[in-house]
Amino acid sequence: MSSSKKLEVIYYNGQPDGIRSIRRHLSTMTTYVIPRPLLAEAKKISGINRPGIYYLVNENDENKIARIYVGQTRNGISRLDDHNRQKDFWNKAIMFLADSKTFSLDIISGLEEHAIVKAHESKRYSVENSVKPQYEIDEYDLPIIEEIYEEIQFIMATQGYKMSGNARDLNNADILHTTRNGIKAFGVYDGERFEVLDGSQINMDKPTNLERYNRQRKELLDSGSISVVDGKYILHATIEFNTPSGASDFVLGGSTNGWTEWKNGEGKTLDALFRKK
């Protein structure tokens, strides 16, 4: 049985989508979620100039991460001033800061390198870090780094951001598929969110009925997350949707019913698997 975890959250301006800090019980690390327009206001918070790593994120219309940048800081929020001047893509910063005794320079550098590798491996979004840091993680530091990153993943998940690419490690029995009109796409559903997996085909010849999905397709095509392979459009990322029908609309085009489009390896529809048990 998994252990319980207690989080303390402070909403600095009384708004759920404003500046907030998050701290897990007994942890020495504090997370700060900072909307870009509130960057100057966030600088007034005590303790926000400590060392750590940070994510700059750009969210799409469904509040999912579309692009991400990973960096390290030795002086907390002050590091974001350069990014505020030089990087246009981001609309939110998420910082993971700890006291100097917890985050040595080696741990910070190793954690940044580890987070960048994991971001690329997840294939969930476009990663702005095109070059992997030239830093070799010491074998004695690796367990600490992995433990800290596990906490980062958990905190990010509480904010609605999945960071891992675990969908690719699922058993075949968990993977759903659709093959209508010659399009072969694959996905997983957890009862709340549907994920279309990398390697899926996308019917780019047929627009969807929702313009936001057409825009999302174009953005992925422009970024290389969708490319033409042997005459077929292939997805090279894992894309999350709020509903099964949104996922099938994105893949197949037009307007679809995801509850009947998605089936498991035995041919059972998602409707039969989740609604008619």
Protein backbone atom coordinates (compact mmCIF):
# COMPACT_ATOMS: atom_id res chain seq x y z
CA MET A 1 0.00 0.00 0.00
CA SER A 2 1.38 3.41 -0.96
CA SER A 3 2.17 5.83 1.86
CA SER A 4 0.14 9.01 2.29
CA LYS A 5 1.70 12.37 1.46
CA LYS A 6 0.81 15.70 3.04
CA LEU A 7 1.20 18.95 1.11
CA GLU A 8 1.00 22.52 2.36
CA VAL A 9 0.04 25.18 -0.19
CA ILE A 10 0.17 28.96 0.15
CA TYR A 11 -1.80 31.13 -2.33
CA TYR A 12 -0.01 34.45 -2.05
CA ASN A 13 -2.59 36.62 -3.77
CA GLY A 14 -5.62 34.54 -2.82
CA GLN A 15 -6.13 33.20 -6.35
CA PRO A 16 -5.86 29.47 -7.21
CA ASP A 17 -4.10 30.28 -10.49
CA GLY A 18 -1.84 32.98 -9.04
CA ILE A 19 1.51 32.72 -7.24
CA ARG A 20 1.66 29.72 -4.94
CA SER A 21 4.20 27.72 -3.01
CA ILE A 22 3.94 23.99 -2.28
CA ARG A 23 5.84 22.03 0.30
CA ARG A 24 5.65 18.34 1.15
CA HIS A 25 5.64 17.44 4.83
CA LEU A 26 9.24 16.99 6.14
CA SER A 27 10.77 17.98 2.79
CA THR A 28 13.55 20.58 2.57
CA MET A 29 12.45 21.62 -0.94
CA THR A 30 9.78 24.21 -1.74
CA THR A 31 8.01 24.54 -5.08
CA TYR A 32 7.03 27.97 -6.41
CA VAL A 33 4.50 28.30 -9.24
CA ILE A 34 4.83 31.74 -10.81
CA PRO A 35 2.71 33.07 -13.70
CA ARG A 36 4.98 35.22 -15.86
CA PRO A 37 2.97 38.47 -15.43
CA LEU A 38 3.45 38.13 -11.64
CA LEU A 39 7.23 37.68 -11.73
CA ALA A 40 7.96 41.05 -10.06
CA GLU A 41 5.45 40.33 -7.30
CA ALA A 42 6.97 36.90 -6.65
CA LYS A 43 10.38 38.45 -5.94
CA LYS A 44 8.99 39.79 -2.64
CA ILE A 45 8.52 36.28 -1.22
CA SER A 46 10.97 35.30 1.52
CA GLY A 47 13.30 32.43 0.63
CA ILE A 48 12.70 32.54 -3.11
CA ASN A 49 16.37 33.27 -3.89
CA ARG A 50 17.63 29.83 -2.89
CA PRO A 51 19.32 27.37 -5.32
CA GLY A 52 17.54 24.70 -7.31
CA ILE A 53 16.15 23.89 -10.75
CA TYR A 54 13.19 25.31 -12.63
CA TYR A 55 10.87 24.66 -15.55
CA LEU A 56 9.68 27.35 -17.94
CA VAL A 57 6.42 26.11 -19.45
CA ASN A 58 4.11 27.12 -22.22
CA GLU A 59 0.57 25.79 -21.83
CA ASN A 60 -1.84 25.08 -24.68
CA ASP A 61 -5.56 25.87 -24.75
CA GLU A 62 -6.29 22.88 -22.49
CA ASN A 63 -3.75 23.95 -19.83
CA LYS A 64 -1.38 21.14 -20.81
CA ILE A 65 2.35 21.70 -21.28
CA ALA A 66 3.13 22.29 -24.94
CA ARG A 67 6.77 23.44 -24.60
CA ILE A 68 9.21 23.29 -21.71
CA TYR A 69 12.67 24.49 -20.77
CA VAL A 70 14.73 23.13 -17.86
CA GLY A 71 17.37 25.20 -16.11
CA GLN A 72 19.32 25.52 -12.88
CA THR A 73 19.67 28.51 -10.60
CA ARG A 74 22.02 29.36 -7.78
CA ASN A 75 20.14 32.51 -6.80
CA GLY A 76 16.51 31.49 -7.14
CA ILE A 77 14.06 33.72 -8.96
CA SER A 78 16.73 36.24 -10.01
CA ARG A 79 17.78 33.77 -12.72
CA LEU A 80 14.42 34.30 -14.43
CA ASP A 81 15.19 37.93 -15.28
CA ASP A 82 17.34 36.88 -18.25
CA HIS A 83 14.63 34.50 -19.49
CA ASN A 84 12.02 37.24 -19.13
CA ARG A 85 14.05 39.37 -21.53
CA GLN A 86 15.28 36.69 -23.92
CA LYS A 87 12.66 33.90 -24.11
CA ASP A 88 9.17 34.65 -25.40
CA PHE A 89 7.56 31.21 -25.39
CA TRP A 90 6.87 30.67 -21.67
CA ASN A 91 3.91 31.81 -19.61
CA LYS A 92 4.68 30.15 -16.27
CA ALA A 93 7.74 29.26 -14.19
CA ILE A 94 7.81 26.35 -11.74
CA MET A 95 10.81 26.46 -9.40
CA PHE A 96 12.07 23.73 -7.05
CA LEU A 97 14.31 25.41 -4.47
CA ALA A 98 16.04 24.05 -1.37
CA ASP A 99 18.56 25.22 1.20
CA SER A 100 22.21 25.14 0.16
CA LYS A 101 22.98 22.16 2.38
CA THR A 102 20.40 20.05 0.52
CA PHE A 103 21.26 21.21 -3.00
CA SER A 104 25.01 21.31 -3.45
CA LEU A 105 26.34 22.52 -6.80
CA ASP A 106 26.89 18.91 -7.86
CA ILE A 107 23.32 17.97 -6.98
CA ILE A 108 21.92 20.99 -8.83
CA SER A 109 23.93 20.24 -11.98
CA GLY A 110 23.09 16.55 -11.83
CA LEU A 111 19.41 17.24 -11.22
CA GLU A 112 19.26 19.64 -14.19
CA GLU A 113 20.89 17.04 -16.46
CA HIS A 114 18.57 14.29 -15.18
CA ALA A 115 15.45 16.45 -15.66
CA ILE A 116 16.42 17.38 -19.23
CA VAL A 117 16.98 13.73 -20.15
CA LYS A 118 13.62 12.76 -18.63
CA ALA A 119 11.86 15.59 -20.46
CA HIS A 120 13.17 14.34 -23.82
CA GLU A 121 12.37 10.72 -22.97
CA SER A 122 8.77 11.50 -22.02
CA LYS A 123 7.89 12.69 -25.55
CA ARG A 124 4.98 14.62 -24.06
CA TYR A 125 5.94 18.09 -25.24
CA SER A 126 8.47 20.12 -27.17
CA VAL A 127 11.71 20.55 -25.15
CA GLU A 128 13.59 23.83 -25.61
CA ASN A 129 16.83 22.29 -24.29
CA SER A 130 18.29 21.00 -27.54
CA VAL A 131 21.71 20.27 -26.06
CA LYS A 132 22.21 17.88 -23.15
CA PRO A 133 24.41 19.42 -20.42
CA GLN A 134 27.94 18.11 -20.45
CA TYR A 135 27.77 16.92 -16.87
CA GLU A 136 28.50 13.43 -15.60
CA ILE A 137 26.45 12.47 -12.55
CA ASP A 138 28.51 10.84 -9.82
CA GLU A 139 27.28 7.34 -9.00
CA TYR A 140 27.06 8.29 -5.31
CA ASP A 141 24.88 11.33 -6.12
CA LEU A 142 22.52 9.48 -8.46
CA PRO A 143 20.26 7.94 -5.74
CA ILE A 144 19.77 11.40 -4.18
CA ILE A 145 19.04 12.96 -7.56
CA GLU A 146 16.53 10.25 -8.44
CA GLU A 147 14.80 10.71 -5.08
CA ILE A 148 14.53 14.48 -5.56
CA TYR A 149 13.27 14.05 -9.12
CA GLU A 150 10.62 11.60 -7.91
CA GLU A 151 9.32 14.33 -5.59
CA ILE A 152 9.41 16.83 -8.46
CA GLN A 153 7.32 14.46 -10.59
CA PHE A 154 4.80 14.09 -7.78
CA ILE A 155 4.47 17.85 -7.22
CA MET A 156 4.12 18.50 -10.95
CA ALA A 157 1.41 15.84 -11.14
CA THR A 158 -0.56 17.60 -8.39
CA GLN A 159 -0.56 20.67 -10.65
CA GLY A 160 -1.91 18.64 -13.59
CA TYR A 161 1.42 18.07 -15.35
CA LYS A 162 2.51 14.51 -16.13
CA MET A 163 6.26 14.36 -16.61
CA SER A 164 6.98 10.69 -17.24
CA GLY A 165 6.60 8.56 -20.34
CA ASN A 166 5.43 5.48 -18.48
CA ALA A 167 2.70 4.80 -21.02
CA ARG A 168 5.25 3.10 -23.24
CA ASP A 169 5.95 0.55 -20.49
CA LEU A 170 2.35 -0.64 -20.19
CA ASN A 171 1.34 -4.21 -20.93
CA ASN A 172 -0.27 -4.75 -24.32
CA ALA A 173 -3.54 -5.49 -22.54
CA ASP A 174 -3.68 -1.87 -21.35
CA ILE A 175 -3.17 -0.34 -24.79
CA LEU A 176 -6.19 0.69 -26.85
CA HIS A 177 -6.22 1.17 -30.61
CA THR A 178 -8.25 2.48 -33.49
CA THR A 179 -7.78 1.41 -37.11
CA ARG A 180 -10.61 3.20 -38.91
CA ASN A 181 -9.94 4.33 -42.50
CA GLY A 182 -6.50 2.74 -42.43
CA ILE A 183 -5.30 4.93 -39.55
CA LYS A 184 -3.50 2.99 -36.82
CA ALA A 185 -3.32 4.86 -33.52
CA PHE A 186 -2.74 3.74 -29.96
CA GLY A 187 -3.69 5.12 -26.55
CA VAL A 188 -4.35 4.51 -22.86
CA TYR A 189 -7.18 5.65 -20.60
CA ASP A 190 -7.06 5.92 -16.80
CA GLY A 191 -10.70 6.82 -16.23
CA GLU A 192 -10.01 10.56 -16.33
CA ARG A 193 -7.57 11.35 -19.13
CA PHE A 194 -6.85 9.73 -22.48
CA GLU A 195 -3.33 9.66 -23.89
CA VAL A 196 -2.55 9.14 -27.57
CA LEU A 197 0.83 7.41 -27.68
CA ASP A 198 3.84 8.28 -29.79
CA GLY A 199 4.03 6.18 -32.93
CA SER A 200 0.33 6.71 -33.68
CA GLN A 201 -0.79 7.68 -37.18
CA ILE A 202 -2.72 10.92 -37.64
CA ASN A 203 -5.19 11.53 -40.48
CA MET A 204 -3.92 14.98 -41.43
CA ASP A 205 -5.94 14.87 -44.66
CA LYS A 206 -9.17 15.18 -42.68
CA PRO A 207 -9.52 18.27 -40.43
CA THR A 208 -11.21 17.93 -37.06
CA ASN A 209 -14.46 19.73 -36.27
CA LEU A 210 -12.76 21.64 -33.45
CA GLU A 211 -10.34 24.33 -34.56
CA ARG A 212 -8.12 23.97 -31.48
CA TYR A 213 -7.23 20.42 -32.51
CA ASN A 214 -6.38 21.63 -36.02
CA ARG A 215 -4.09 24.26 -34.49
CA GLN A 216 -2.52 21.65 -32.23
CA ARG A 217 -1.87 19.38 -35.22
CA LYS A 218 -0.18 22.23 -37.10
CA GLU A 219 1.97 23.17 -34.11
CA LEU A 220 3.12 19.56 -33.73
CA LEU A 221 3.83 19.32 -37.45
CA ASP A 222 5.83 22.57 -37.42
CA SER A 223 7.86 21.42 -34.40
CA GLY A 224 8.62 17.99 -35.87
CA SER A 225 6.48 16.13 -33.31
CA ILE A 226 4.43 14.96 -36.29
CA SER A 227 6.37 13.97 -39.40
CA VAL A 228 5.80 12.12 -42.65
CA VAL A 229 7.17 8.56 -42.61
CA ASP A 230 6.58 6.39 -45.70
CA GLY A 231 3.78 8.70 -46.78
CA LYS A 232 2.00 8.59 -43.40
CA TYR A 233 1.81 11.23 -40.67
CA ILE A 234 3.34 9.79 -37.50
CA LEU A 235 3.09 11.28 -34.00
CA HIS A 236 6.40 11.46 -32.11
CA ALA A 237 4.99 12.56 -28.76
CA THR A 238 2.46 11.44 -26.16
CA ILE A 239 -0.56 13.78 -26.23
CA GLU A 240 -3.10 13.98 -23.41
CA PHE A 241 -6.81 14.72 -23.86
CA ASN A 242 -9.65 15.31 -21.42
CA THR A 243 -11.95 12.81 -23.17
CA PRO A 244 -11.65 9.69 -25.37
CA SER A 245 -13.64 11.48 -28.08
CA GLY A 246 -11.21 14.40 -28.09
CA ALA A 247 -8.42 11.91 -28.64
CA SER A 248 -10.17 10.15 -31.51
CA ASP A 249 -11.19 13.48 -33.08
CA PHE A 250 -7.52 14.53 -33.06
CA VAL A 251 -6.37 11.24 -34.60
CA LEU A 252 -9.12 10.55 -37.13
CA GLY A 253 -10.46 14.00 -37.96
CA GLY A 254 -14.07 15.08 -38.10
CA SER A 255 -16.33 14.38 -35.11
CA THR A 256 -16.08 10.92 -33.51
CA ASN A 257 -17.29 8.90 -30.55
CA GLY A 258 -14.16 7.83 -28.70
CA TRP A 259 -16.09 5.40 -26.51
CA THR A 260 -16.71 3.20 -29.54
CA GLU A 261 -13.65 4.10 -31.64
CA TRP A 262 -11.06 2.93 -29.09
CA LYS A 263 -10.81 -0.84 -28.53
CA ASN A 264 -8.51 -3.19 -26.67
CA GLY A 265 -6.66 -6.16 -28.14
CA GLU A 266 -9.75 -8.35 -27.79
CA GLY A 267 -11.91 -5.94 -29.74
CA LYS A 268 -13.84 -4.62 -26.72
CA THR A 269 -14.74 -0.95 -26.96
CA LEU A 270 -13.83 1.57 -24.31
CA ASP A 271 -17.55 1.85 -23.60
CA ALA A 272 -17.74 -1.85 -22.77
CA LEU A 273 -14.57 -1.73 -20.67
CA PHE A 274 -15.43 1.29 -18.53
CA ARG A 275 -19.18 1.89 -18.70
CA LYS A 276 -20.74 -1.57 -18.91
CA LYS A 277 -18.78 -3.54 -16.35
